[in-house]
Amino acid sequence: MKKKPMALGTVWPVSASLLGEDGGRIGTCLDTPNAIAKALMERPDATHVVEALSHVRRPRSAYADRMAGWNVAESRFRPTGRG
């Protein structure tokens, strides 16, 4: 059985970091806006995100408009340490 290729936009595996209230890293996910929003939906304990390419730290609220039922992106969330 041939494996289906990954969807466009998920091929380059750059990871954003999800942070908890204390600033500690909870885990990582794909660094795309929809994947980050999906990871935030999966992890309500995440309060901030540090984007990999820009190193910008954004609050959870920055992704609120994408945290909706229509977002079916794969987050590829991976817990780190305390996950």
N, C-alpha and C. Protein backbone atom coordinates (compact mmCIF):
# COMPACT_ATOMS: atom_id res chain seq x y z
N MET A 1 0.84 -1.18 0.00
CA MET A 1 0.00 0.00 0.00
C MET A 1 0.89 1.25 0.00
N LYS A 2 0.65 2.14 -0.93
CA LYS A 2 1.44 3.35 -1.08
C LYS A 2 0.95 4.41 -0.10
N LYS A 3 1.89 5.06 0.59
CA LYS A 3 1.56 6.09 1.56
C LYS A 3 1.23 7.40 0.86
N LYS A 4 0.16 8.03 1.29
CA LYS A 4 -0.26 9.32 0.73
C LYS A 4 0.74 10.39 1.13
N PRO A 5 1.15 11.27 0.19
CA PRO A 5 2.09 12.34 0.54
C PRO A 5 1.46 13.34 1.51
N MET A 6 2.29 14.01 2.26
CA MET A 6 1.80 15.02 3.20
C MET A 6 1.19 16.19 2.43
N ALA A 7 0.23 16.84 3.05
CA ALA A 7 -0.42 17.99 2.43
C ALA A 7 0.56 19.14 2.29
N LEU A 8 0.34 19.96 1.26
CA LEU A 8 1.18 21.14 1.08
C LEU A 8 1.15 22.00 2.33
N GLY A 9 2.27 22.57 2.65
CA GLY A 9 2.36 23.42 3.83
C GLY A 9 2.82 22.67 5.08
N THR A 10 2.89 21.34 4.99
CA THR A 10 3.34 20.57 6.14
C THR A 10 4.61 19.79 5.81
N VAL A 11 5.21 20.08 4.68
CA VAL A 11 6.39 19.33 4.25
C VAL A 11 7.65 19.82 4.96
N TRP A 12 7.80 21.11 5.14
CA TRP A 12 8.98 21.66 5.78
C TRP A 12 8.77 21.61 7.29
N PRO A 13 9.46 20.73 7.99
CA PRO A 13 9.15 20.51 9.41
C PRO A 13 9.80 21.51 10.36
N VAL A 14 9.30 22.72 10.37
CA VAL A 14 9.77 23.74 11.30
C VAL A 14 8.80 23.74 12.48
N SER A 15 9.34 23.77 13.69
CA SER A 15 8.50 23.64 14.88
C SER A 15 8.41 24.93 15.69
N ALA A 16 7.19 25.27 16.04
CA ALA A 16 6.94 26.36 16.97
C ALA A 16 6.89 25.75 18.37
N SER A 17 7.22 26.54 19.37
CA SER A 17 7.19 26.07 20.76
C SER A 17 5.95 26.59 21.45
N LEU A 18 5.26 25.71 22.18
CA LEU A 18 4.12 26.10 23.00
C LEU A 18 4.61 26.21 24.43
N LEU A 19 4.24 27.33 25.06
CA LEU A 19 4.68 27.60 26.43
C LEU A 19 3.50 27.61 27.38
N GLY A 20 3.76 27.19 28.62
CA GLY A 20 2.75 27.23 29.67
C GLY A 20 2.76 28.55 30.39
N GLU A 21 1.90 28.67 31.37
CA GLU A 21 1.76 29.92 32.12
C GLU A 21 3.06 30.36 32.79
N ASP A 22 3.87 29.38 33.21
CA ASP A 22 5.14 29.69 33.87
C ASP A 22 6.27 29.99 32.89
N GLY A 23 5.97 29.94 31.59
CA GLY A 23 6.98 30.22 30.57
C GLY A 23 7.76 29.00 30.13
N GLY A 24 7.51 27.86 30.78
CA GLY A 24 8.19 26.62 30.40
C GLY A 24 7.60 26.02 29.14
N ARG A 25 8.44 25.34 28.37
CA ARG A 25 7.99 24.75 27.12
C ARG A 25 7.17 23.49 27.38
N ILE A 26 5.97 23.45 26.84
CA ILE A 26 5.07 22.31 26.95
C ILE A 26 5.36 21.32 25.83
N GLY A 27 5.65 21.86 24.65
CA GLY A 27 5.89 21.01 23.50
C GLY A 27 6.08 21.83 22.24
N THR A 28 6.09 21.13 21.11
CA THR A 28 6.27 21.78 19.82
C THR A 28 5.18 21.32 18.86
N CYS A 29 4.98 22.12 17.82
CA CYS A 29 4.03 21.77 16.77
C CYS A 29 4.55 22.37 15.46
N LEU A 30 3.90 22.04 14.36
CA LEU A 30 4.28 22.64 13.09
C LEU A 30 4.11 24.15 13.16
N ASP A 31 5.00 24.86 12.53
CA ASP A 31 4.98 26.32 12.57
C ASP A 31 4.21 26.89 11.39
N THR A 32 2.92 26.64 11.38
CA THR A 32 2.01 27.30 10.45
C THR A 32 0.87 27.84 11.30
N PRO A 33 0.23 28.92 10.89
CA PRO A 33 -0.83 29.50 11.73
C PRO A 33 -1.94 28.51 12.09
N ASN A 34 -2.40 27.71 11.14
CA ASN A 34 -3.47 26.77 11.43
C ASN A 34 -3.00 25.63 12.33
N ALA A 35 -1.78 25.15 12.13
CA ALA A 35 -1.25 24.07 12.97
C ALA A 35 -1.05 24.57 14.40
N ILE A 36 -0.57 25.79 14.55
CA ILE A 36 -0.39 26.36 15.89
C ILE A 36 -1.75 26.49 16.57
N ALA A 37 -2.74 27.02 15.86
CA ALA A 37 -4.07 27.16 16.44
C ALA A 37 -4.65 25.81 16.83
N LYS A 38 -4.45 24.80 16.00
CA LYS A 38 -4.94 23.46 16.31
C LYS A 38 -4.26 22.92 17.56
N ALA A 39 -2.95 23.11 17.68
CA ALA A 39 -2.22 22.67 18.87
C ALA A 39 -2.74 23.38 20.12
N LEU A 40 -3.04 24.66 19.99
CA LEU A 40 -3.59 25.41 21.12
C LEU A 40 -4.96 24.87 21.52
N MET A 41 -5.74 24.42 20.54
CA MET A 41 -7.04 23.81 20.84
C MET A 41 -6.82 22.48 21.56
N GLU A 42 -5.80 21.76 21.18
CA GLU A 42 -5.50 20.46 21.81
C GLU A 42 -4.90 20.63 23.20
N ARG A 43 -4.22 21.75 23.44
CA ARG A 43 -3.54 21.99 24.70
C ARG A 43 -4.01 23.30 25.32
N PRO A 44 -5.13 23.28 26.03
CA PRO A 44 -5.63 24.52 26.64
C PRO A 44 -4.70 25.10 27.70
N ASP A 45 -3.72 24.32 28.15
CA ASP A 45 -2.77 24.82 29.15
C ASP A 45 -1.67 25.67 28.52
N ALA A 46 -1.59 25.71 27.20
CA ALA A 46 -0.59 26.55 26.52
C ALA A 46 -1.08 28.00 26.48
N THR A 47 -0.22 28.90 26.92
CA THR A 47 -0.62 30.31 26.98
C THR A 47 0.09 31.19 25.96
N HIS A 48 1.25 30.73 25.46
CA HIS A 48 2.03 31.49 24.49
C HIS A 48 2.66 30.57 23.47
N VAL A 49 3.03 31.15 22.34
CA VAL A 49 3.71 30.43 21.27
C VAL A 49 4.94 31.22 20.86
N VAL A 50 6.05 30.52 20.64
CA VAL A 50 7.24 31.15 20.08
C VAL A 50 7.42 30.56 18.69
N GLU A 51 7.27 31.41 17.69
CA GLU A 51 7.39 30.97 16.31
C GLU A 51 8.86 30.71 15.99
N ALA A 52 9.13 29.66 15.25
CA ALA A 52 10.50 29.22 15.00
C ALA A 52 11.30 30.18 14.13
N LEU A 53 10.73 30.65 13.06
CA LEU A 53 11.49 31.47 12.12
C LEU A 53 11.69 32.90 12.60
N SER A 54 10.68 33.48 13.20
CA SER A 54 10.77 34.87 13.62
C SER A 54 11.20 35.02 15.08
N HIS A 55 11.08 33.95 15.85
CA HIS A 55 11.37 33.96 17.29
C HIS A 55 10.46 34.92 18.05
N VAL A 56 9.32 35.24 17.44
CA VAL A 56 8.35 36.13 18.07
C VAL A 56 7.50 35.32 19.05
N ARG A 57 7.31 35.88 20.24
CA ARG A 57 6.46 35.25 21.25
C ARG A 57 5.09 35.88 21.18
N ARG A 58 4.08 35.07 20.92
CA ARG A 58 2.71 35.58 20.77
C ARG A 58 1.80 34.94 21.82
N PRO A 59 0.82 35.69 22.29
CA PRO A 59 -0.14 35.11 23.25
C PRO A 59 -1.13 34.20 22.52
N ARG A 60 -1.74 33.34 23.26
CA ARG A 60 -2.76 32.42 22.75
C ARG A 60 -3.83 33.17 21.95
N SER A 61 -4.20 34.35 22.43
CA SER A 61 -5.27 35.13 21.80
C SER A 61 -4.94 35.53 20.36
N ALA A 62 -3.67 35.54 19.98
CA ALA A 62 -3.29 35.90 18.61
C ALA A 62 -3.80 34.89 17.59
N TYR A 63 -4.14 33.69 18.05
CA TYR A 63 -4.61 32.63 17.15
C TYR A 63 -6.09 32.33 17.33
N ALA A 64 -6.79 33.14 18.11
CA ALA A 64 -8.19 32.89 18.44
C ALA A 64 -9.08 32.76 17.21
N ASP A 65 -8.83 33.56 16.18
CA ASP A 65 -9.68 33.51 14.98
C ASP A 65 -9.52 32.20 14.21
N ARG A 66 -8.45 31.46 14.44
CA ARG A 66 -8.22 30.19 13.76
C ARG A 66 -8.57 28.99 14.64
N MET A 67 -8.88 29.23 15.90
CA MET A 67 -9.23 28.17 16.82
C MET A 67 -10.73 27.90 16.73
N ALA A 68 -11.12 27.26 15.63
CA ALA A 68 -12.53 27.02 15.34
C ALA A 68 -12.71 25.64 14.73
N GLY A 69 -13.93 25.21 14.66
CA GLY A 69 -14.26 23.89 14.14
C GLY A 69 -13.82 23.65 12.70
N TRP A 70 -13.71 24.71 11.91
CA TRP A 70 -13.30 24.54 10.50
C TRP A 70 -11.82 24.21 10.39
N ASN A 71 -11.04 24.44 11.43
CA ASN A 71 -9.60 24.19 11.38
C ASN A 71 -9.33 22.70 11.57
N VAL A 72 -9.03 22.04 10.49
CA VAL A 72 -8.76 20.60 10.53
C VAL A 72 -7.28 20.31 10.27
N ALA A 73 -6.44 21.30 10.47
CA ALA A 73 -5.00 21.13 10.24
C ALA A 73 -4.42 20.10 11.21
N GLU A 74 -3.34 19.47 10.81
CA GLU A 74 -2.59 18.60 11.70
C GLU A 74 -1.63 19.48 12.48
N SER A 75 -1.63 19.36 13.79
CA SER A 75 -0.71 20.17 14.59
C SER A 75 0.65 19.49 14.72
N ARG A 76 0.65 18.17 14.67
CA ARG A 76 1.88 17.40 14.92
C ARG A 76 2.48 17.78 16.27
N PHE A 77 1.62 17.99 17.26
CA PHE A 77 2.08 18.35 18.60
C PHE A 77 2.93 17.23 19.19
N ARG A 78 4.04 17.64 19.78
CA ARG A 78 4.93 16.70 20.48
C ARG A 78 5.26 17.30 21.84
N PRO A 79 4.88 16.58 22.89
CA PRO A 79 5.21 17.09 24.22
C PRO A 79 6.71 17.06 24.48
N THR A 80 7.19 18.00 25.26
CA THR A 80 8.60 18.01 25.63
C THR A 80 8.71 18.12 27.14
N GLY A 81 9.35 17.17 27.72
CA GLY A 81 9.61 17.19 29.15
C GLY A 81 8.39 17.01 30.03
N ARG A 82 7.60 18.03 30.15
CA ARG A 82 6.48 18.01 31.09
C ARG A 82 5.16 17.65 30.44
N GLY A 83 5.13 17.53 29.09
CA GLY A 83 3.99 17.30 28.26
C GLY A 83 2.93 16.43 28.69
